[in-house]
Amino acid sequence: MRPLLALSLLAVTAHAQFTLQKSNTTASLRGVESVDGGANWQQCVVPSGAEKLDFRAVQAFDAQTALVMSVGNGDSSRIYRTDDGCKTWKQVYANPDAPGGFFDALYFTSRSEGWLLGDPVNGSFFMATTHDGGLSWMRVPVPALEPTEKGGAFAASNQSLLIANTGPVFGGGGGILFRGELERCPDTVQYNDPSSCATRILFRKMKVDVGGAAAAAGIFAIHNEGKTMVAVGGDYMHPDVAAYTAAFSVNDGMGWQPAETMPHGYRSTVVYNAATKTWIATGPTGTDISTDNGRHWKPLRPDTTKGDAVDADRNWNALSLPFVVGPKGRIGKLRDGALAGK
């Protein structure tokens, strides 16, 4: 009876979706950070000398202050900061391993404390920390971060890195996940200062059933809520394949289980909506939600009776609720109350 049960769960759908907004750009949008209502959108000034860079991450602190991260080989991986609402930008960091190296994700635990992840250089993943809001960065010589069987991490939506309850967690190619555990810092060191404590991380390497064996497959996004973690991904070269697209953990990432009902395709981003206790994962082929901490997923379909576009569930790259962004300047906003009762 179990296969029949799985089929019946796959047939269940929810009707609630994103309202498309005018972005005033045709650029492919790969990162989003929500700090206000976002009623209107305007283009930012591109940092001088960065006109050809590929920006994948944004960390906004308020309407005036934000960081953006570009990705690419060598010195194409950089971090810029604005303090005037993106009228001007200052480069605050560049890949120290040029012509090698490649940044993957930027994650802040507070306005001052942040972490940076990059692909392996000389046999080990790259990590750096800041404790002044990104104005300065220090490389962290963390041990035991050898490349995965499929290389490094993915810079798809700035969600390959997570700072969880116990320390840094990040995933990459082939479904490999590294779970960091911060050792006790000396009593004379502040616990919330990553520049002092980050060198005392023990990493556990584990295999998670996300992605499969293809070179373009693996873990693309990780998110946590309390001790629950959800990882999503798949094979971005075959985005319609609904196998190995999500896994979950209920013990801070110590143990992982594949979802019993998978998202119906490759998913590049995942977030949690605390108000409705709903997980949302989306990507180029659709959007799925889970109300049981990632165990079962069901498609989130557009509701045309509410004015949703027929394709409002797809062609997305990154989430920061209530917003979602995608190719060709595509921006959506989750309708108020859309997930109530799901």
C-alpha atoms as a PDB file:
ATOM      1  CA  MET A   1       0.000   0.000   0.000  1.00  0.00           C
ATOM      2  CA  ARG A   2       2.940   2.374   0.475  1.00  0.00           C
ATOM      3  CA  PRO A   3       3.406   3.170  -3.280  1.00  0.00           C
ATOM      4  CA  LEU A   4      -0.307   4.010  -3.507  1.00  0.00           C
ATOM      5  CA  LEU A   5       0.008   6.282  -0.471  1.00  0.00           C
ATOM      6  CA  ALA A   6       2.928   8.111  -2.056  1.00  0.00           C
ATOM      7  CA  LEU A   7       0.970   8.628  -5.267  1.00  0.00           C
ATOM      8  CA  SER A   8      -1.991  10.038  -3.406  1.00  0.00           C
ATOM      9  CA  LEU A   9       0.244  12.468  -1.546  1.00  0.00           C
ATOM     10  CA  LEU A  10       1.792  13.634  -4.794  1.00  0.00           C
ATOM     11  CA  ALA A  11      -1.653  14.372  -6.153  1.00  0.00           C
ATOM     12  CA  VAL A  12      -2.434  16.800  -3.322  1.00  0.00           C
ATOM     13  CA  THR A  13      -1.836  20.449  -4.205  1.00  0.00           C
ATOM     14  CA  ALA A  14      -2.238  23.770  -2.443  1.00  0.00           C
ATOM     15  CA  HIS A  15      -3.520  26.916  -4.099  1.00  0.00           C
ATOM     16  CA  ALA A  16      -1.597  29.985  -3.000  1.00  0.00           C
ATOM     17  CA  GLN A  17       1.102  31.827  -4.798  1.00  0.00           C
ATOM     18  CA  PHE A  18       3.296  34.808  -5.562  1.00  0.00           C
ATOM     19  CA  THR A  19       1.980  38.052  -7.036  1.00  0.00           C
ATOM     20  CA  LEU A  20       4.315  39.233  -9.791  1.00  0.00           C
ATOM     21  CA  GLN A  21       5.839  42.691  -9.303  1.00  0.00           C
ATOM     22  CA  LYS A  22       7.468  45.199 -11.628  1.00  0.00           C
ATOM     23  CA  SER A  23      11.231  45.110 -11.121  1.00  0.00           C
ATOM     24  CA  ASN A  24      12.387  47.661 -13.716  1.00  0.00           C
ATOM     25  CA  THR A  25      15.173  45.337 -14.848  1.00  0.00           C
ATOM     26  CA  THR A  26      15.680  42.399 -17.196  1.00  0.00           C
ATOM     27  CA  ALA A  27      18.712  41.030 -15.354  1.00  0.00           C
ATOM     28  CA  SER A  28      18.664  37.491 -14.001  1.00  0.00           C
ATOM     29  CA  LEU A  29      18.049  37.938 -10.258  1.00  0.00           C
ATOM     30  CA  ARG A  30      19.891  35.369  -8.134  1.00  0.00           C
ATOM     31  CA  GLY A  31      19.748  36.765  -4.609  1.00  0.00           C
ATOM     32  CA  VAL A  32      17.234  38.611  -2.411  1.00  0.00           C
ATOM     33  CA  GLU A  33      17.153  39.898   1.169  1.00  0.00           C
ATOM     34  CA  SER A  34      13.923  41.292   2.580  1.00  0.00           C
ATOM     35  CA  VAL A  35      14.156  44.135   5.126  1.00  0.00           C
ATOM     36  CA  ASP A  36      10.938  46.059   4.399  1.00  0.00           C
ATOM     37  CA  GLY A  37       7.652  45.896   2.502  1.00  0.00           C
ATOM     38  CA  GLY A  38       9.169  46.259  -0.940  1.00  0.00           C
ATOM     39  CA  ALA A  39       6.282  48.177  -2.495  1.00  0.00           C
ATOM     40  CA  ASN A  40       8.468  49.606  -5.268  1.00  0.00           C
ATOM     41  CA  TRP A  41      11.712  48.490  -6.878  1.00  0.00           C
ATOM     42  CA  GLN A  42      14.463  50.552  -8.458  1.00  0.00           C
ATOM     43  CA  GLN A  43      17.815  49.728  -9.966  1.00  0.00           C
ATOM     44  CA  CYS A  44      20.962  50.151  -7.904  1.00  0.00           C
ATOM     45  CA  VAL A  45      24.148  51.708  -9.183  1.00  0.00           C
ATOM     46  CA  VAL A  46      26.558  48.988 -10.274  1.00  0.00           C
ATOM     47  CA  PRO A  47      29.864  49.149  -8.370  1.00  0.00           C
ATOM     48  CA  SER A  48      32.626  50.717 -10.436  1.00  0.00           C
ATOM     49  CA  GLY A  49      34.599  48.040 -12.252  1.00  0.00           C
ATOM     50  CA  ALA A  50      31.988  45.386 -11.515  1.00  0.00           C
ATOM     51  CA  GLU A  51      29.834  45.782 -14.608  1.00  0.00           C
ATOM     52  CA  LYS A  52      30.578  42.244 -15.829  1.00  0.00           C
ATOM     53  CA  LEU A  53      30.505  40.472 -12.472  1.00  0.00           C
ATOM     54  CA  ASP A  54      27.939  37.827 -11.501  1.00  0.00           C
ATOM     55  CA  PHE A  55      26.316  38.807  -8.194  1.00  0.00           C
ATOM     56  CA  ARG A  56      24.692  35.936  -6.276  1.00  0.00           C
ATOM     57  CA  ALA A  57      24.285  37.136  -2.675  1.00  0.00           C
ATOM     58  CA  VAL A  58      22.935  40.177  -0.877  1.00  0.00           C
ATOM     59  CA  GLN A  59      22.918  40.829   2.864  1.00  0.00           C
ATOM     60  CA  ALA A  60      20.837  43.880   3.796  1.00  0.00           C
ATOM     61  CA  PHE A  61      20.899  45.374   7.290  1.00  0.00           C
ATOM     62  CA  ASP A  62      18.501  48.277   6.684  1.00  0.00           C
ATOM     63  CA  ALA A  63      17.309  50.504   3.834  1.00  0.00           C
ATOM     64  CA  GLN A  64      20.753  52.134   3.555  1.00  0.00           C
ATOM     65  CA  THR A  65      23.267  49.412   4.428  1.00  0.00           C
ATOM     66  CA  ALA A  66      23.939  46.191   2.534  1.00  0.00           C
ATOM     67  CA  LEU A  67      26.616  43.859   1.215  1.00  0.00           C
ATOM     68  CA  VAL A  68      26.653  42.076  -2.128  1.00  0.00           C
ATOM     69  CA  MET A  69      28.844  39.144  -3.151  1.00  0.00           C
ATOM     70  CA  SER A  70      29.951  38.358  -6.668  1.00  0.00           C
ATOM     71  CA  VAL A  71      31.084  34.923  -7.772  1.00  0.00           C
ATOM     72  CA  GLY A  72      33.503  33.648 -10.367  1.00  0.00           C
ATOM     73  CA  ASN A  73      37.000  32.357 -10.759  1.00  0.00           C
ATOM     74  CA  GLY A  74      39.825  34.320  -9.218  1.00  0.00           C
ATOM     75  CA  ASP A  75      39.271  38.021  -8.599  1.00  0.00           C
ATOM     76  CA  SER A  76      35.725  37.851  -9.979  1.00  0.00           C
ATOM     77  CA  SER A  77      34.748  36.769  -6.452  1.00  0.00           C
ATOM     78  CA  ARG A  78      34.371  39.963  -4.410  1.00  0.00           C
ATOM     79  CA  ILE A  79      32.305  41.662  -1.679  1.00  0.00           C
ATOM     80  CA  TYR A  80      31.024  45.240  -1.881  1.00  0.00           C
ATOM     81  CA  ARG A  81      29.283  47.362   0.754  1.00  0.00           C
ATOM     82  CA  THR A  82      26.920  50.331   0.479  1.00  0.00           C
ATOM     83  CA  ASP A  83      25.958  52.734   3.260  1.00  0.00           C
ATOM     84  CA  ASP A  84      23.741  55.032   1.181  1.00  0.00           C
ATOM     85  CA  GLY A  85      21.052  52.790  -0.246  1.00  0.00           C
ATOM     86  CA  CYS A  86      23.220  51.486  -3.139  1.00  0.00           C
ATOM     87  CA  LYS A  87      23.979  54.903  -4.608  1.00  0.00           C
ATOM     88  CA  THR A  88      27.679  54.134  -4.119  1.00  0.00           C
ATOM     89  CA  TRP A  89      29.640  50.987  -3.292  1.00  0.00           C
ATOM     90  CA  LYS A  90      33.007  50.219  -1.716  1.00  0.00           C
ATOM     91  CA  GLN A  91      34.878  46.992  -2.365  1.00  0.00           C
ATOM     92  CA  VAL A  92      35.641  45.519   1.061  1.00  0.00           C
ATOM     93  CA  TYR A  93      37.043  42.121   0.144  1.00  0.00           C
ATOM     94  CA  ALA A  94      38.366  40.151  -2.820  1.00  0.00           C
ATOM     95  CA  ASN A  95      39.243  36.515  -3.297  1.00  0.00           C
ATOM     96  CA  PRO A  96      42.716  36.143  -1.769  1.00  0.00           C
ATOM     97  CA  ASP A  97      43.445  33.008  -3.827  1.00  0.00           C
ATOM     98  CA  ALA A  98      43.209  34.541  -7.303  1.00  0.00           C
ATOM     99  CA  PRO A  99      43.602  33.259  -9.961  1.00  0.00           C
ATOM    100  CA  GLY A 100      42.054  30.243  -8.186  1.00  0.00           C
ATOM    101  CA  GLY A 101      39.156  30.141  -5.795  1.00  0.00           C
ATOM    102  CA  PHE A 102      35.409  30.812  -6.135  1.00  0.00           C
ATOM    103  CA  PHE A 103      33.031  32.312  -3.546  1.00  0.00           C
ATOM    104  CA  ASP A 104      29.797  30.397  -2.832  1.00  0.00           C
ATOM    105  CA  ALA A 105      27.799  31.927   0.024  1.00  0.00           C
ATOM    106  CA  LEU A 106      27.591  34.775   2.501  1.00  0.00           C
ATOM    107  CA  TYR A 107      25.812  34.350   5.866  1.00  0.00           C
ATOM    108  CA  PHE A 108      25.355  36.789   8.763  1.00  0.00           C
ATOM    109  CA  THR A 109      24.254  35.806  12.257  1.00  0.00           C
ATOM    110  CA  SER A 110      23.922  39.454  13.340  1.00  0.00           C
ATOM    111  CA  ARG A 111      24.559  42.908  11.961  1.00  0.00           C
ATOM    112  CA  SER A 112      28.256  42.569  12.769  1.00  0.00           C
ATOM    113  CA  GLU A 113      29.080  38.845  12.625  1.00  0.00           C
ATOM    114  CA  GLY A 114      29.283  37.133   9.230  1.00  0.00           C
ATOM    115  CA  TRP A 115      30.761  34.149   7.431  1.00  0.00           C
ATOM    116  CA  LEU A 116      31.951  33.524   3.880  1.00  0.00           C
ATOM    117  CA  LEU A 117      32.267  30.171   2.084  1.00  0.00           C
ATOM    118  CA  GLY A 118      34.307  29.438  -1.025  1.00  0.00           C
ATOM    119  CA  ASP A 119      35.210  26.430  -3.143  1.00  0.00           C
ATOM    120  CA  PRO A 120      38.285  24.359  -2.254  1.00  0.00           C
ATOM    121  CA  VAL A 121      41.719  25.880  -2.796  1.00  0.00           C
ATOM    122  CA  ASN A 122      44.818  23.723  -2.341  1.00  0.00           C
ATOM    123  CA  GLY A 123      42.691  20.829  -1.148  1.00  0.00           C
ATOM    124  CA  SER A 124      40.487  22.576   1.416  1.00  0.00           C
ATOM    125  CA  PHE A 125      37.323  24.659   1.355  1.00  0.00           C
ATOM    126  CA  PHE A 126      37.751  28.399   1.935  1.00  0.00           C
ATOM    127  CA  MET A 127      36.117  30.181   4.891  1.00  0.00           C
ATOM    128  CA  ALA A 128      36.432  33.738   6.231  1.00  0.00           C
ATOM    129  CA  THR A 129      34.717  35.727   8.971  1.00  0.00           C
ATOM    130  CA  THR A 130      33.916  39.342   9.804  1.00  0.00           C
ATOM    131  CA  HIS A 131      32.938  40.991  13.072  1.00  0.00           C
ATOM    132  CA  ASP A 132      32.460  44.553  11.818  1.00  0.00           C
ATOM    133  CA  GLY A 133      29.614  44.158   9.353  1.00  0.00           C
ATOM    134  CA  GLY A 134      31.806  43.123   6.445  1.00  0.00           C
ATOM    135  CA  LEU A 135      34.198  46.060   6.502  1.00  0.00           C
ATOM    136  CA  SER A 136      37.090  43.671   7.109  1.00  0.00           C
ATOM    137  CA  TRP A 137      37.491  39.893   6.754  1.00  0.00           C
ATOM    138  CA  MET A 138      39.800  37.295   8.236  1.00  0.00           C
ATOM    139  CA  ARG A 139      40.491  33.944   6.647  1.00  0.00           C
ATOM    140  CA  VAL A 140      39.741  31.001   8.927  1.00  0.00           C
ATOM    141  CA  PRO A 141      42.171  28.062   8.684  1.00  0.00           C
ATOM    142  CA  VAL A 142      39.553  25.451   9.475  1.00  0.00           C
ATOM    143  CA  PRO A 143      40.790  21.864   9.053  1.00  0.00           C
ATOM    144  CA  ALA A 144      39.247  18.784   7.452  1.00  0.00           C
ATOM    145  CA  LEU A 145      37.387  20.518   4.636  1.00  0.00           C
ATOM    146  CA  GLU A 146      38.562  18.446   1.706  1.00  0.00           C
ATOM    147  CA  PRO A 147      36.716  18.793  -1.629  1.00  0.00           C
ATOM    148  CA  THR A 148      33.628  16.682  -2.143  1.00  0.00           C
ATOM    149  CA  GLU A 149      33.645  13.944  -4.749  1.00  0.00           C
ATOM    150  CA  LYS A 150      31.893  16.420  -7.067  1.00  0.00           C
ATOM    151  CA  GLY A 151      34.106  19.389  -6.263  1.00  0.00           C
ATOM    152  CA  GLY A 152      32.834  22.316  -4.207  1.00  0.00           C
ATOM    153  CA  ALA A 153      29.597  23.967  -3.151  1.00  0.00           C
ATOM    154  CA  PHE A 154      26.923  25.673  -5.275  1.00  0.00           C
ATOM    155  CA  ALA A 155      26.401  29.436  -5.533  1.00  0.00           C
ATOM    156  CA  ALA A 156      22.858  29.156  -6.879  1.00  0.00           C
ATOM    157  CA  SER A 157      20.906  31.115  -4.251  1.00  0.00           C
ATOM    158  CA  ASN A 158      23.356  31.988  -1.449  1.00  0.00           C
ATOM    159  CA  GLN A 159      22.004  29.132   0.664  1.00  0.00           C
ATOM    160  CA  SER A 160      24.736  26.515   0.510  1.00  0.00           C
ATOM    161  CA  LEU A 161      26.012  27.838   3.869  1.00  0.00           C
ATOM    162  CA  LEU A 162      24.111  27.967   7.168  1.00  0.00           C
ATOM    163  CA  ILE A 163      25.274  28.985  10.641  1.00  0.00           C
ATOM    164  CA  ALA A 164      23.203  26.674  12.810  1.00  0.00           C
ATOM    165  CA  ASN A 165      22.977  26.140  16.565  1.00  0.00           C
ATOM    166  CA  THR A 166      26.264  24.265  16.773  1.00  0.00           C
ATOM    167  CA  GLY A 167      28.263  26.068  14.093  1.00  0.00           C
ATOM    168  CA  PRO A 168      28.686  26.288  10.300  1.00  0.00           C
ATOM    169  CA  VAL A 169      26.863  23.773   8.098  1.00  0.00           C
ATOM    170  CA  PHE A 170      27.287  23.656   4.340  1.00  0.00           C
ATOM    171  CA  GLY A 171      26.504  21.323   1.477  1.00  0.00           C
ATOM    172  CA  GLY A 172      27.784  20.700  -2.002  1.00  0.00           C
ATOM    173  CA  GLY A 173      28.144  18.361  -4.928  1.00  0.00           C
ATOM    174  CA  GLY A 174      27.182  14.723  -4.614  1.00  0.00           C
ATOM    175  CA  GLY A 175      25.041  15.393  -1.523  1.00  0.00           C
ATOM    176  CA  ILE A 176      28.075  15.838   0.729  1.00  0.00           C
ATOM    177  CA  LEU A 177      27.403  17.942   3.824  1.00  0.00           C
ATOM    178  CA  PHE A 178      29.842  19.323   6.393  1.00  0.00           C
ATOM    179  CA  ARG A 179      28.473  19.931   9.893  1.00  0.00           C
ATOM    180  CA  GLY A 180      30.653  22.140  12.067  1.00  0.00           C
ATOM    181  CA  GLU A 181      30.766  21.973  15.834  1.00  0.00           C
ATOM    182  CA  LEU A 182      32.329  24.864  17.720  1.00  0.00           C
ATOM    183  CA  GLU A 183      34.559  23.669  20.519  1.00  0.00           C
ATOM    184  CA  ARG A 184      34.480  25.554  23.785  1.00  0.00           C
ATOM    185  CA  CYS A 185      36.433  28.781  23.388  1.00  0.00           C
ATOM    186  CA  PRO A 186      38.868  29.872  26.097  1.00  0.00           C
ATOM    187  CA  ASP A 187      37.170  31.727  28.932  1.00  0.00           C
ATOM    188  CA  THR A 188      38.991  34.912  27.939  1.00  0.00           C
ATOM    189  CA  VAL A 189      37.445  34.848  24.441  1.00  0.00           C
ATOM    190  CA  GLN A 190      33.956  36.086  23.637  1.00  0.00           C
ATOM    191  CA  TYR A 191      31.830  33.262  22.274  1.00  0.00           C
ATOM    192  CA  ASN A 192      30.151  35.443  19.643  1.00  0.00           C
ATOM    193  CA  ASP A 193      33.400  36.571  18.057  1.00  0.00           C
ATOM    194  CA  PRO A 194      33.957  34.313  15.037  1.00  0.00           C
ATOM    195  CA  SER A 195      37.403  35.753  14.368  1.00  0.00           C
ATOM    196  CA  SER A 196      38.530  34.254  17.673  1.00  0.00           C
ATOM    197  CA  CYS A 197      36.464  31.072  17.891  1.00  0.00           C
ATOM    198  CA  ALA A 198      36.135  29.958  14.280  1.00  0.00           C
ATOM    199  CA  THR A 199      39.511  28.236  14.307  1.00  0.00           C
ATOM    200  CA  ARG A 200      38.165  25.846  16.952  1.00  0.00           C
ATOM    201  CA  ILE A 201      35.592  24.141  14.705  1.00  0.00           C
ATOM    202  CA  LEU A 202      35.398  20.378  14.318  1.00  0.00           C
ATOM    203  CA  PHE A 203      33.733  19.332  11.054  1.00  0.00           C
ATOM    204  CA  ARG A 204      31.827  16.129  10.516  1.00  0.00           C
ATOM    205  CA  LYS A 205      31.555  15.048   6.876  1.00  0.00           C
ATOM    206  CA  MET A 206      28.403  13.137   5.937  1.00  0.00           C
ATOM    207  CA  LYS A 207      26.404  11.992   2.939  1.00  0.00           C
ATOM    208  CA  VAL A 208      22.841  13.271   2.507  1.00  0.00           C
ATOM    209  CA  ASP A 209      20.424  11.810  -0.052  1.00  0.00           C
ATOM    210  CA  VAL A 210      20.071  15.005  -2.076  1.00  0.00           C
ATOM    211  CA  GLY A 211      21.184  15.370  -5.667  1.00  0.00           C
ATOM    212  CA  GLY A 212      22.271  11.974  -6.889  1.00  0.00           C
ATOM    213  CA  ALA A 213      25.524  11.177  -8.640  1.00  0.00           C
ATOM    214  CA  ALA A 214      25.596  13.584 -11.600  1.00  0.00           C
ATOM    215  CA  ALA A 215      28.231  16.327 -11.765  1.00  0.00           C
ATOM    216  CA  ALA A 216      25.557  19.064 -11.688  1.00  0.00           C
ATOM    217  CA  ALA A 217      23.716  17.535  -8.735  1.00  0.00           C
ATOM    218  CA  GLY A 218      23.861  17.976  -4.984  1.00  0.00           C
ATOM    219  CA  ILE A 219      22.711  20.155  -2.097  1.00  0.00           C
ATOM    220  CA  PHE A 220      21.882  23.674  -3.269  1.00  0.00           C
ATOM    221  CA  ALA A 221      20.191  25.177  -0.208  1.00  0.00           C
ATOM    222  CA  ILE A 222      20.000  24.531   3.546  1.00  0.00           C
ATOM    223  CA  HIS A 223      17.779  26.225   6.116  1.00  0.00           C
ATOM    224  CA  ASN A 224      17.016  25.611   9.761  1.00  0.00           C
ATOM    225  CA  GLU A 225      14.281  26.359  12.268  1.00  0.00           C
ATOM    226  CA  GLY A 226      15.361  25.406  15.755  1.00  0.00           C
ATOM    227  CA  LYS A 227      16.829  21.911  15.586  1.00  0.00           C
ATOM    228  CA  THR A 228      15.064  21.127  12.315  1.00  0.00           C
ATOM    229  CA  MET A 229      17.086  21.453   9.118  1.00  0.00           C
ATOM    230  CA  VAL A 230      15.926  21.033   5.538  1.00  0.00           C
ATOM    231  CA  ALA A 231      18.235  20.578   2.550  1.00  0.00           C
ATOM    232  CA  VAL A 232      17.011  20.850  -1.047  1.00  0.00           C
ATOM    233  CA  GLY A 233      18.612  20.477  -4.438  1.00  0.00           C
ATOM    234  CA  GLY A 234      18.690  17.909  -7.178  1.00  0.00           C
ATOM    235  CA  ASP A 235      20.226  18.002 -10.637  1.00  0.00           C
ATOM    236  CA  TYR A 236      20.031  21.473 -12.181  1.00  0.00           C
ATOM    237  CA  MET A 237      20.813  20.070 -15.632  1.00  0.00           C
ATOM    238  CA  HIS A 238      17.672  17.900 -15.319  1.00  0.00           C
ATOM    239  CA  PRO A 239      15.363  20.152 -13.279  1.00  0.00           C
ATOM    240  CA  ASP A 240      12.208  18.088 -13.880  1.00  0.00           C
ATOM    241  CA  VAL A 241      13.588  14.984 -12.182  1.00  0.00           C
ATOM    242  CA  ALA A 242      11.767  14.613  -8.853  1.00  0.00           C
ATOM    243  CA  ALA A 243      14.226  12.237  -7.190  1.00  0.00           C
ATOM    244  CA  TYR A 244      16.661  13.114  -4.405  1.00  0.00           C
ATOM    245  CA  THR A 245      15.386  16.696  -4.187  1.00  0.00           C
ATOM    246  CA  ALA A 246      15.029  17.092  -0.396  1.00  0.00           C
ATOM    247  CA  ALA A 247      16.086  15.696   2.974  1.00  0.00           C
ATOM    248  CA  PHE A 248      15.469  16.717   6.569  1.00  0.00           C
ATOM    249  CA  SER A 249      17.032  16.492  10.021  1.00  0.00           C
ATOM    250  CA  VAL A 250      15.352  16.896  13.400  1.00  0.00           C
ATOM    251  CA  ASN A 251      18.518  16.856  15.523  1.00  0.00           C
ATOM    252  CA  ASP A 252      20.596  19.845  14.381  1.00  0.00           C
ATOM    253  CA  GLY A 253      21.923  18.039  11.328  1.00  0.00           C
ATOM    254  CA  MET A 254      23.425  15.052  13.124  1.00  0.00           C
ATOM    255  CA  GLY A 255      21.214  12.613  11.214  1.00  0.00           C
ATOM    256  CA  TRP A 256      19.376  13.034   7.910  1.00  0.00           C
ATOM    257  CA  GLN A 257      16.456  11.297   6.219  1.00  0.00           C
ATOM    258  CA  PRO A 258      15.270  11.682   2.619  1.00  0.00           C
ATOM    259  CA  ALA A 259      11.834  13.236   2.231  1.00  0.00           C
ATOM    260  CA  GLU A 260       9.121  10.600   1.917  1.00  0.00           C
ATOM    261  CA  THR A 261       7.335  12.707  -0.690  1.00  0.00           C
ATOM    262  CA  MET A 262       9.855  14.745  -2.683  1.00  0.00           C
ATOM    263  CA  PRO A 263       9.529  18.224  -4.178  1.00  0.00           C
ATOM    264  CA  HIS A 264       8.579  17.664  -7.809  1.00  0.00           C
ATOM    265  CA  GLY A 265      11.869  18.786  -9.345  1.00  0.00           C
ATOM    266  CA  TYR A 266      15.205  20.490  -8.687  1.00  0.00           C
ATOM    267  CA  ARG A 267      14.900  23.173  -6.000  1.00  0.00           C
ATOM    268  CA  SER A 268      17.507  25.913  -5.533  1.00  0.00           C
ATOM    269  CA  THR A 269      16.148  27.645  -2.422  1.00  0.00           C
ATOM    270  CA  VAL A 270      14.205  26.859   0.761  1.00  0.00           C
ATOM    271  CA  VAL A 271      12.851  28.958   3.662  1.00  0.00           C
ATOM    272  CA  TYR A 272      10.544  28.568   6.663  1.00  0.00           C
ATOM    273  CA  ASN A 273       7.423  30.631   7.332  1.00  0.00           C
ATOM    274  CA  ALA A 274       7.067  30.699  11.114  1.00  0.00           C
ATOM    275  CA  ALA A 275       3.576  32.212  11.130  1.00  0.00           C
ATOM    276  CA  THR A 276       2.109  29.189   9.330  1.00  0.00           C
ATOM    277  CA  LYS A 277       4.803  26.625  10.248  1.00  0.00           C
ATOM    278  CA  THR A 278       5.343  25.991   6.544  1.00  0.00           C
ATOM    279  CA  TRP A 279       8.505  25.197   4.609  1.00  0.00           C
ATOM    280  CA  ILE A 280       8.676  26.563   1.037  1.00  0.00           C
ATOM    281  CA  ALA A 281      11.074  25.329  -1.649  1.00  0.00           C
ATOM    282  CA  THR A 282      11.168  26.627  -5.182  1.00  0.00           C
ATOM    283  CA  GLY A 283      13.160  26.516  -8.405  1.00  0.00           C
ATOM    284  CA  PRO A 284      12.840  26.697 -12.172  1.00  0.00           C
ATOM    285  CA  THR A 285      10.104  24.077 -12.502  1.00  0.00           C
ATOM    286  CA  GLY A 286       7.815  24.804  -9.557  1.00  0.00           C
ATOM    287  CA  THR A 287       7.206  25.472  -5.871  1.00  0.00           C
ATOM    288  CA  ASP A 288       6.476  23.006  -3.065  1.00  0.00           C
ATOM    289  CA  ILE A 289       5.504  23.334   0.577  1.00  0.00           C
ATOM    290  CA  SER A 290       5.837  21.099   3.625  1.00  0.00           C
ATOM    291  CA  THR A 291       3.931  21.400   6.901  1.00  0.00           C
ATOM    292  CA  ASP A 292       5.658  18.463   8.620  1.00  0.00           C
ATOM    293  CA  ASN A 293       9.254  19.723   8.696  1.00  0.00           C
ATOM    294  CA  GLY A 294      10.289  18.426   5.291  1.00  0.00           C
ATOM    295  CA  ARG A 295       8.945  14.888   5.500  1.00  0.00           C
ATOM    296  CA  HIS A 296       6.264  15.361   2.822  1.00  0.00           C
ATOM    297  CA  TRP A 297       6.010  18.017   0.109  1.00  0.00           C
ATOM    298  CA  LYS A 298       3.106  19.063  -2.075  1.00  0.00           C
ATOM    299  CA  PRO A 299       3.009  21.433  -5.056  1.00  0.00           C
ATOM    300  CA  LEU A 300       2.001  25.035  -4.457  1.00  0.00           C
ATOM    301  CA  ARG A 301      -0.024  25.968  -7.507  1.00  0.00           C
ATOM    302  CA  PRO A 302      -1.113  29.396  -8.740  1.00  0.00           C
ATOM    303  CA  ASP A 303      -4.666  30.398  -7.888  1.00  0.00           C
ATOM    304  CA  THR A 304      -5.923  32.165 -11.007  1.00  0.00           C
ATOM    305  CA  THR A 305      -9.153  33.081  -9.201  1.00  0.00           C
ATOM    306  CA  LYS A 306      -7.011  35.315  -6.970  1.00  0.00           C
ATOM    307  CA  GLY A 307      -5.261  36.882  -9.954  1.00  0.00           C
ATOM    308  CA  ASP A 308      -2.137  34.704  -9.945  1.00  0.00           C
ATOM    309  CA  ALA A 309      -0.255  34.347 -13.211  1.00  0.00           C
ATOM    310  CA  VAL A 310      -0.454  30.807 -14.585  1.00  0.00           C
ATOM    311  CA  ASP A 311       3.324  30.423 -14.181  1.00  0.00           C
ATOM    312  CA  ALA A 312       3.606  32.101 -10.767  1.00  0.00           C
ATOM    313  CA  ASP A 313       4.908  28.875  -9.243  1.00  0.00           C
ATOM    314  CA  ARG A 314       7.985  28.527 -11.437  1.00  0.00           C
ATOM    315  CA  ASN A 315      11.059  30.219 -12.899  1.00  0.00           C
ATOM    316  CA  TRP A 316      12.434  31.239  -9.499  1.00  0.00           C
ATOM    317  CA  ASN A 317      15.995  31.316  -8.132  1.00  0.00           C
ATOM    318  CA  ALA A 318      16.004  32.614  -4.541  1.00  0.00           C
ATOM    319  CA  LEU A 319      13.634  33.263  -1.625  1.00  0.00           C
ATOM    320  CA  SER A 320      13.541  35.750   1.248  1.00  0.00           C
ATOM    321  CA  LEU A 321       9.929  35.864   2.334  1.00  0.00           C
ATOM    322  CA  PRO A 322       7.720  37.375   1.274  1.00  0.00           C
ATOM    323  CA  PHE A 323       9.815  37.821  -1.876  1.00  0.00           C
ATOM    324  CA  VAL A 324      11.086  35.463  -4.548  1.00  0.00           C
ATOM    325  CA  VAL A 325      13.269  36.370  -7.541  1.00  0.00           C
ATOM    326  CA  GLY A 326      14.151  34.783 -10.851  1.00  0.00           C
ATOM    327  CA  PRO A 327      15.410  35.266 -14.420  1.00  0.00           C
ATOM    328  CA  LYS A 328      14.726  38.306 -16.610  1.00  0.00           C
ATOM    329  CA  GLY A 329      13.997  40.591 -13.673  1.00  0.00           C
ATOM    330  CA  ARG A 330      11.288  38.350 -12.266  1.00  0.00           C
ATOM    331  CA  ILE A 331      10.094  39.274  -8.747  1.00  0.00           C
ATOM    332  CA  GLY A 332       7.135  37.850  -6.829  1.00  0.00           C
ATOM    333  CA  LYS A 333       5.601  38.563  -3.446  1.00  0.00           C
ATOM    334  CA  LEU A 334       3.752  35.933  -1.445  1.00  0.00           C
ATOM    335  CA  ARG A 335       0.158  37.044  -0.988  1.00  0.00           C
ATOM    336  CA  ASP A 336      -0.844  37.946   2.560  1.00  0.00           C
ATOM    337  CA  GLY A 337      -2.534  34.989   4.206  1.00  0.00           C
ATOM    338  CA  ALA A 338      -1.703  32.748   1.254  1.00  0.00           C
ATOM    339  CA  LEU A 339      -0.365  29.939   3.426  1.00  0.00           C
ATOM    340  CA  ALA A 340      -2.996  30.117   6.148  1.00  0.00           C
ATOM    341  CA  GLY A 341      -4.550  26.706   6.666  1.00  0.00           C
ATOM    342  CA  LYS A 342      -2.061  24.904   4.429  1.00  0.00           C
END
